[in-house]
Amino acid sequence: MSKLRIAIIGAGPCGLAQLLAFKQAEQEQRVELVCFERQSDWGGLWLYTSQIGIDVHGEPIHSSMYRQ
């Protein structure tokens, strides 16, 4: 039986919940699980950063901080 390949896009609250659910399912069947996150850490919009504007790769930073 081949592995079920699952990719989670984003490590915010919903992505982390899906990772947990699939990690638990991994015990029952063969699953290859990977998560992709654009930011340097997990947390999504809840990840605090004082950066505004663009990141080091030139991508816009979507955060709860307001531009002044």
PDB file of N, CA and C in Angstrom:
ATOM      1  N   MET A   1       0.837  -1.177   0.000  1.00  0.00           N
ATOM      2  CA  MET A   1       0.000   0.000   0.000  1.00  0.00           C
ATOM      3  C   MET A   1       0.883   1.242   0.000  1.00  0.00           C
ATOM      4  N   SER A   2       0.593   2.206  -0.878  1.00  0.00           N
ATOM      5  CA  SER A   2       1.403   3.414  -0.961  1.00  0.00           C
ATOM      6  C   SER A   2       0.983   4.425   0.100  1.00  0.00           C
ATOM      7  N   LYS A   3       1.891   5.351   0.377  1.00  0.00           N
ATOM      8  CA  LYS A   3       1.610   6.383   1.372  1.00  0.00           C
ATOM      9  C   LYS A   3       0.635   7.409   0.815  1.00  0.00           C
ATOM     10  N   LEU A   4      -0.208   7.910   1.675  1.00  0.00           N
ATOM     11  CA  LEU A   4      -1.070   9.032   1.359  1.00  0.00           C
ATOM     12  C   LEU A   4      -0.241  10.281   1.600  1.00  0.00           C
ATOM     13  N   ARG A   5      -0.087  11.129   0.568  1.00  0.00           N
ATOM     14  CA  ARG A   5       0.740  12.328   0.694  1.00  0.00           C
ATOM     15  C   ARG A   5      -0.156  13.527   0.968  1.00  0.00           C
ATOM     16  N   ILE A   6       0.111  14.231   2.070  1.00  0.00           N
ATOM     17  CA  ILE A   6      -0.708  15.362   2.488  1.00  0.00           C
ATOM     18  C   ILE A   6       0.192  16.570   2.713  1.00  0.00           C
ATOM     19  N   ALA A   7      -0.185  17.708   2.111  1.00  0.00           N
ATOM     20  CA  ALA A   7       0.529  18.968   2.321  1.00  0.00           C
ATOM     21  C   ALA A   7      -0.423  19.967   2.957  1.00  0.00           C
ATOM     22  N   ILE A   8       0.013  20.582   4.033  1.00  0.00           N
ATOM     23  CA  ILE A   8      -0.745  21.633   4.704  1.00  0.00           C
ATOM     24  C   ILE A   8      -0.081  22.955   4.339  1.00  0.00           C
ATOM     25  N   ILE A   9      -0.869  23.890   3.818  1.00  0.00           N
ATOM     26  CA  ILE A   9      -0.339  25.195   3.444  1.00  0.00           C
ATOM     27  C   ILE A   9      -0.669  26.181   4.558  1.00  0.00           C
ATOM     28  N   GLY A  10       0.355  26.624   5.260  1.00  0.00           N
ATOM     29  CA  GLY A  10       0.181  27.593   6.339  1.00  0.00           C
ATOM     30  C   GLY A  10       0.166  26.932   7.702  1.00  0.00           C
ATOM     31  N   ALA A  11       0.933  27.510   8.615  1.00  0.00           N
ATOM     32  CA  ALA A  11       1.021  26.973   9.974  1.00  0.00           C
ATOM     33  C   ALA A  11       0.377  27.920  10.973  1.00  0.00           C
ATOM     34  N   GLY A  12      -0.775  28.468  10.576  1.00  0.00           N
ATOM     35  CA  GLY A  12      -1.582  29.262  11.501  1.00  0.00           C
ATOM     36  C   GLY A  12      -2.453  28.327  12.320  1.00  0.00           C
ATOM     37  N   PRO A  13      -3.433  28.855  13.029  1.00  0.00           N
ATOM     38  CA  PRO A  13      -4.287  28.024  13.876  1.00  0.00           C
ATOM     39  C   PRO A  13      -4.970  26.875  13.121  1.00  0.00           C
ATOM     40  N   CYS A  14      -5.507  27.150  11.944  1.00  0.00           N
ATOM     41  CA  CYS A  14      -6.194  26.091  11.183  1.00  0.00           C
ATOM     42  C   CYS A  14      -5.210  25.059  10.648  1.00  0.00           C
ATOM     43  N   GLY A  15      -4.073  25.525  10.143  1.00  0.00           N
ATOM     44  CA  GLY A  15      -3.068  24.596   9.649  1.00  0.00           C
ATOM     45  C   GLY A  15      -2.536  23.692  10.741  1.00  0.00           C
ATOM     46  N   LEU A  16      -2.311  24.256  11.924  1.00  0.00           N
ATOM     47  CA  LEU A  16      -1.827  23.452  13.049  1.00  0.00           C
ATOM     48  C   LEU A  16      -2.868  22.438  13.501  1.00  0.00           C
ATOM     49  N   ALA A  17      -4.149  22.822  13.459  1.00  0.00           N
ATOM     50  CA  ALA A  17      -5.214  21.879  13.815  1.00  0.00           C
ATOM     51  C   ALA A  17      -5.255  20.722  12.823  1.00  0.00           C
ATOM     52  N   GLN A  18      -5.073  21.019  11.534  1.00  0.00           N
ATOM     53  CA  GLN A  18      -5.052  19.958  10.531  1.00  0.00           C
ATOM     54  C   GLN A  18      -3.833  19.059  10.706  1.00  0.00           C
ATOM     55  N   LEU A  19      -2.687  19.659  11.025  1.00  0.00           N
ATOM     56  CA  LEU A  19      -1.492  18.851  11.280  1.00  0.00           C
ATOM     57  C   LEU A  19      -1.725  17.864  12.412  1.00  0.00           C
ATOM     58  N   LEU A  20      -2.349  18.327  13.484  1.00  0.00           N
ATOM     59  CA  LEU A  20      -2.639  17.451  14.619  1.00  0.00           C
ATOM     60  C   LEU A  20      -3.580  16.322  14.210  1.00  0.00           C
ATOM     61  N   ALA A  21      -4.634  16.655  13.469  1.00  0.00           N
ATOM     62  CA  ALA A  21      -5.604  15.639  13.046  1.00  0.00           C
ATOM     63  C   ALA A  21      -4.954  14.592  12.149  1.00  0.00           C
ATOM     64  N   PHE A  22      -4.156  15.032  11.180  1.00  0.00           N
ATOM     65  CA  PHE A  22      -3.506  14.074  10.284  1.00  0.00           C
ATOM     66  C   PHE A  22      -2.393  13.309  10.991  1.00  0.00           C
ATOM     67  N   LYS A  23      -1.740  13.935  11.961  1.00  0.00           N
ATOM     68  CA  LYS A  23      -0.701  13.238  12.730  1.00  0.00           C
ATOM     69  C   LYS A  23      -1.321  12.081  13.511  1.00  0.00           C
ATOM     70  N   GLN A  24      -2.523  12.298  14.054  1.00  0.00           N
ATOM     71  CA  GLN A  24      -3.217  11.229  14.762  1.00  0.00           C
ATOM     72  C   GLN A  24      -3.652  10.138  13.786  1.00  0.00           C
ATOM     73  N   ALA A  25      -4.057  10.515  12.581  1.00  0.00           N
ATOM     74  CA  ALA A  25      -4.460   9.536  11.570  1.00  0.00           C
ATOM     75  C   ALA A  25      -3.256   8.753  11.055  1.00  0.00           C
ATOM     76  N   GLU A  26      -2.076   9.346  11.188  1.00  0.00           N
ATOM     77  CA  GLU A  26      -0.849   8.705  10.726  1.00  0.00           C
ATOM     78  C   GLU A  26      -0.612   7.375  11.434  1.00  0.00           C
ATOM     79  N   GLN A  27      -1.103   7.245  12.652  1.00  0.00           N
ATOM     80  CA  GLN A  27      -0.933   6.003  13.401  1.00  0.00           C
ATOM     81  C   GLN A  27      -1.758   4.869  12.789  1.00  0.00           C
ATOM     82  N   GLU A  28      -2.852   5.209  12.117  1.00  0.00           N
ATOM     83  CA  GLU A  28      -3.752   4.204  11.550  1.00  0.00           C
ATOM     84  C   GLU A  28      -3.368   3.794  10.132  1.00  0.00           C
ATOM     85  N   GLN A  29      -2.764   4.705   9.379  1.00  0.00           N
ATOM     86  CA  GLN A  29      -2.378   4.381   8.008  1.00  0.00           C
ATOM     87  C   GLN A  29      -1.083   5.110   7.663  1.00  0.00           C
ATOM     88  N   ARG A  30      -0.489   4.703   6.556  1.00  0.00           N
ATOM     89  CA  ARG A  30       0.774   5.297   6.135  1.00  0.00           C
ATOM     90  C   ARG A  30       0.506   6.662   5.506  1.00  0.00           C
ATOM     91  N   VAL A  31       1.010   7.704   6.157  1.00  0.00           N
ATOM     92  CA  VAL A  31       0.789   9.074   5.702  1.00  0.00           C
ATOM     93  C   VAL A  31       2.124   9.807   5.651  1.00  0.00           C
ATOM     94  N   GLU A  32       2.357  10.505   4.547  1.00  0.00           N
ATOM     95  CA  GLU A  32       3.510  11.397   4.444  1.00  0.00           C
ATOM     96  C   GLU A  32       2.968  12.813   4.608  1.00  0.00           C
ATOM     97  N   LEU A  33       3.360  13.481   5.678  1.00  0.00           N
ATOM     98  CA  LEU A  33       2.777  14.760   6.061  1.00  0.00           C
ATOM     99  C   LEU A  33       3.836  15.853   6.030  1.00  0.00           C
ATOM    100  N   VAL A  34       3.514  16.991   5.393  1.00  0.00           N
ATOM    101  CA  VAL A  34       4.427  18.128   5.348  1.00  0.00           C
ATOM    102  C   VAL A  34       3.607  19.410   5.457  1.00  0.00           C
ATOM    103  N   CYS A  35       4.196  20.421   6.106  1.00  0.00           N
ATOM    104  CA  CYS A  35       3.534  21.720   6.253  1.00  0.00           C
ATOM    105  C   CYS A  35       4.450  22.801   5.682  1.00  0.00           C
ATOM    106  N   PHE A  36       3.874  23.702   4.904  1.00  0.00           N
ATOM    107  CA  PHE A  36       4.621  24.819   4.329  1.00  0.00           C
ATOM    108  C   PHE A  36       4.158  26.116   4.992  1.00  0.00           C
ATOM    109  N   GLU A  37       5.105  26.937   5.428  1.00  0.00           N
ATOM    110  CA  GLU A  37       4.793  28.222   6.057  1.00  0.00           C
ATOM    111  C   GLU A  37       5.707  29.284   5.472  1.00  0.00           C
ATOM    112  N   ARG A  38       5.138  30.392   5.033  1.00  0.00           N
ATOM    113  CA  ARG A  38       5.919  31.460   4.412  1.00  0.00           C
ATOM    114  C   ARG A  38       6.759  32.228   5.432  1.00  0.00           C
ATOM    115  N   GLN A  39       6.223  32.416   6.627  1.00  0.00           N
ATOM    116  CA  GLN A  39       6.938  33.182   7.648  1.00  0.00           C
ATOM    117  C   GLN A  39       8.054  32.335   8.266  1.00  0.00           C
ATOM    118  N   SER A  40       8.870  32.973   9.090  1.00  0.00           N
ATOM    119  CA  SER A  40      10.011  32.272   9.688  1.00  0.00           C
ATOM    120  C   SER A  40       9.614  31.359  10.841  1.00  0.00           C
ATOM    121  N   ASP A  41       8.373  31.458  11.316  1.00  0.00           N
ATOM    122  CA  ASP A  41       7.917  30.658  12.444  1.00  0.00           C
ATOM    123  C   ASP A  41       6.438  30.346  12.255  1.00  0.00           C
ATOM    124  N   TRP A  42       5.903  29.423  13.045  1.00  0.00           N
ATOM    125  CA  TRP A  42       4.493  29.063  12.944  1.00  0.00           C
ATOM    126  C   TRP A  42       3.645  30.049  13.743  1.00  0.00           C
ATOM    127  N   GLY A  43       2.357  30.125  13.428  1.00  0.00           N
ATOM    128  CA  GLY A  43       1.446  31.005  14.158  1.00  0.00           C
ATOM    129  C   GLY A  43       0.533  31.827  13.268  1.00  0.00           C
ATOM    130  N   GLY A  44       0.850  31.923  11.988  1.00  0.00           N
ATOM    131  CA  GLY A  44      -0.007  32.675  11.076  1.00  0.00           C
ATOM    132  C   GLY A  44      -0.115  34.138  11.467  1.00  0.00           C
ATOM    133  N   LEU A  45      -1.314  34.698  11.355  1.00  0.00           N
ATOM    134  CA  LEU A  45      -1.525  36.101  11.709  1.00  0.00           C
ATOM    135  C   LEU A  45      -1.364  36.353  13.202  1.00  0.00           C
ATOM    136  N   TRP A  46      -1.394  35.296  14.008  1.00  0.00           N
ATOM    137  CA  TRP A  46      -1.227  35.446  15.454  1.00  0.00           C
ATOM    138  C   TRP A  46       0.242  35.527  15.850  1.00  0.00           C
ATOM    139  N   LEU A  47       1.150  35.288  14.914  1.00  0.00           N
ATOM    140  CA  LEU A  47       2.588  35.387  15.189  1.00  0.00           C
ATOM    141  C   LEU A  47       2.964  36.861  15.290  1.00  0.00           C
ATOM    142  N   TYR A  48       3.414  37.287  16.454  1.00  0.00           N
ATOM    143  CA  TYR A  48       3.763  38.702  16.635  1.00  0.00           C
ATOM    144  C   TYR A  48       5.056  39.022  15.915  1.00  0.00           C
ATOM    145  N   THR A  49       5.042  40.093  15.172  1.00  0.00           N
ATOM    146  CA  THR A  49       6.243  40.652  14.575  1.00  0.00           C
ATOM    147  C   THR A  49       6.064  42.159  14.509  1.00  0.00           C
ATOM    148  N   SER A  50       7.118  42.887  14.762  1.00  0.00           N
ATOM    149  CA  SER A  50       7.034  44.342  14.682  1.00  0.00           C
ATOM    150  C   SER A  50       7.296  44.824  13.265  1.00  0.00           C
ATOM    151  N   GLN A  51       7.606  43.903  12.359  1.00  0.00           N
ATOM    152  CA  GLN A  51       7.866  44.274  10.974  1.00  0.00           C
ATOM    153  C   GLN A  51       6.575  44.674  10.277  1.00  0.00           C
ATOM    154  N   ILE A  52       6.684  45.679   9.429  1.00  0.00           N
ATOM    155  CA  ILE A  52       5.572  46.070   8.569  1.00  0.00           C
ATOM    156  C   ILE A  52       6.127  46.280   7.169  1.00  0.00           C
ATOM    157  N   GLY A  53       5.259  46.291   6.187  1.00  0.00           N
ATOM    158  CA  GLY A  53       5.703  46.524   4.818  1.00  0.00           C
ATOM    159  C   GLY A  53       6.018  45.231   4.102  1.00  0.00           C
ATOM    160  N   ILE A  54       7.328  45.003   3.828  1.00  0.00           N
ATOM    161  CA  ILE A  54       7.737  43.802   3.104  1.00  0.00           C
ATOM    162  C   ILE A  54       8.790  43.046   3.906  1.00  0.00           C
ATOM    163  N   ASP A  55       8.898  41.726   3.630  1.00  0.00           N
ATOM    164  CA  ASP A  55       9.884  40.907   4.341  1.00  0.00           C
ATOM    165  C   ASP A  55      11.208  40.895   3.590  1.00  0.00           C
ATOM    166  N   VAL A  56      12.154  40.086   4.032  1.00  0.00           N
ATOM    167  CA  VAL A  56      13.491  40.036   3.423  1.00  0.00           C
ATOM    168  C   VAL A  56      13.467  39.503   1.995  1.00  0.00           C
ATOM    169  N   HIS A  57      12.369  38.828   1.614  1.00  0.00           N
ATOM    170  CA  HIS A  57      12.242  38.295   0.260  1.00  0.00           C
ATOM    171  C   HIS A  57      11.424  39.216  -0.645  1.00  0.00           C
ATOM    172  N   GLY A  58      11.029  40.381  -0.130  1.00  0.00           N
ATOM    173  CA  GLY A  58      10.248  41.326  -0.916  1.00  0.00           C
ATOM    174  C   GLY A  58       8.758  41.038  -0.939  1.00  0.00           C
ATOM    175  N   GLU A  59       8.313  40.112  -0.098  1.00  0.00           N
ATOM    176  CA  GLU A  59       6.892  39.758  -0.025  1.00  0.00           C
ATOM    177  C   GLU A  59       6.201  40.625   1.023  1.00  0.00           C
ATOM    178  N   PRO A  60       4.923  40.988   0.789  1.00  0.00           N
ATOM    179  CA  PRO A  60       4.213  41.793   1.792  1.00  0.00           C
ATOM    180  C   PRO A  60       4.030  41.030   3.097  1.00  0.00           C
ATOM    181  N   ILE A  61       4.153  41.744   4.191  1.00  0.00           N
ATOM    182  CA  ILE A  61       3.957  41.156   5.515  1.00  0.00           C
ATOM    183  C   ILE A  61       2.512  41.386   5.914  1.00  0.00           C
ATOM    184  N   HIS A  62       1.786  40.300   6.127  1.00  0.00           N
ATOM    185  CA  HIS A  62       0.403  40.375   6.574  1.00  0.00           C
ATOM    186  C   HIS A  62       0.408  40.113   8.074  1.00  0.00           C
ATOM    187  N   SER A  63       0.219  41.160   8.845  1.00  0.00           N
ATOM    188  CA  SER A  63       0.225  40.989  10.296  1.00  0.00           C
ATOM    189  C   SER A  63      -0.821  41.897  10.914  1.00  0.00           C
ATOM    190  N   SER A  64      -0.961  41.788  12.215  1.00  0.00           N
ATOM    191  CA  SER A  64      -1.920  42.617  12.926  1.00  0.00           C
ATOM    192  C   SER A  64      -1.361  43.999  13.242  1.00  0.00           C
ATOM    193  N   MET A  65      -0.114  44.257  12.889  1.00  0.00           N
ATOM    194  CA  MET A  65       0.490  45.569  13.136  1.00  0.00           C
ATOM    195  C   MET A  65       0.023  46.546  12.063  1.00  0.00           C
ATOM    196  N   TYR A  66      -0.274  47.760  12.468  1.00  0.00           N
ATOM    197  CA  TYR A  66      -0.707  48.785  11.528  1.00  0.00           C
ATOM    198  C   TYR A  66       0.487  49.615  11.086  1.00  0.00           C
ATOM    199  N   ARG A  67       0.465  50.020   9.846  1.00  0.00           N
ATOM    200  CA  ARG A  67       1.526  50.881   9.325  1.00  0.00           C
ATOM    201  C   ARG A  67       1.248  52.307   9.785  1.00  0.00           C
ATOM    202  N   GLN A  68       2.284  52.985  10.234  1.00  0.00           N
ATOM    203  CA  GLN A  68       2.106  54.371  10.688  1.00  0.00           C
ATOM    204  C   GLN A  68       2.775  55.325   9.746  1.00  0.00           C
TER     205      GLN A  68
END
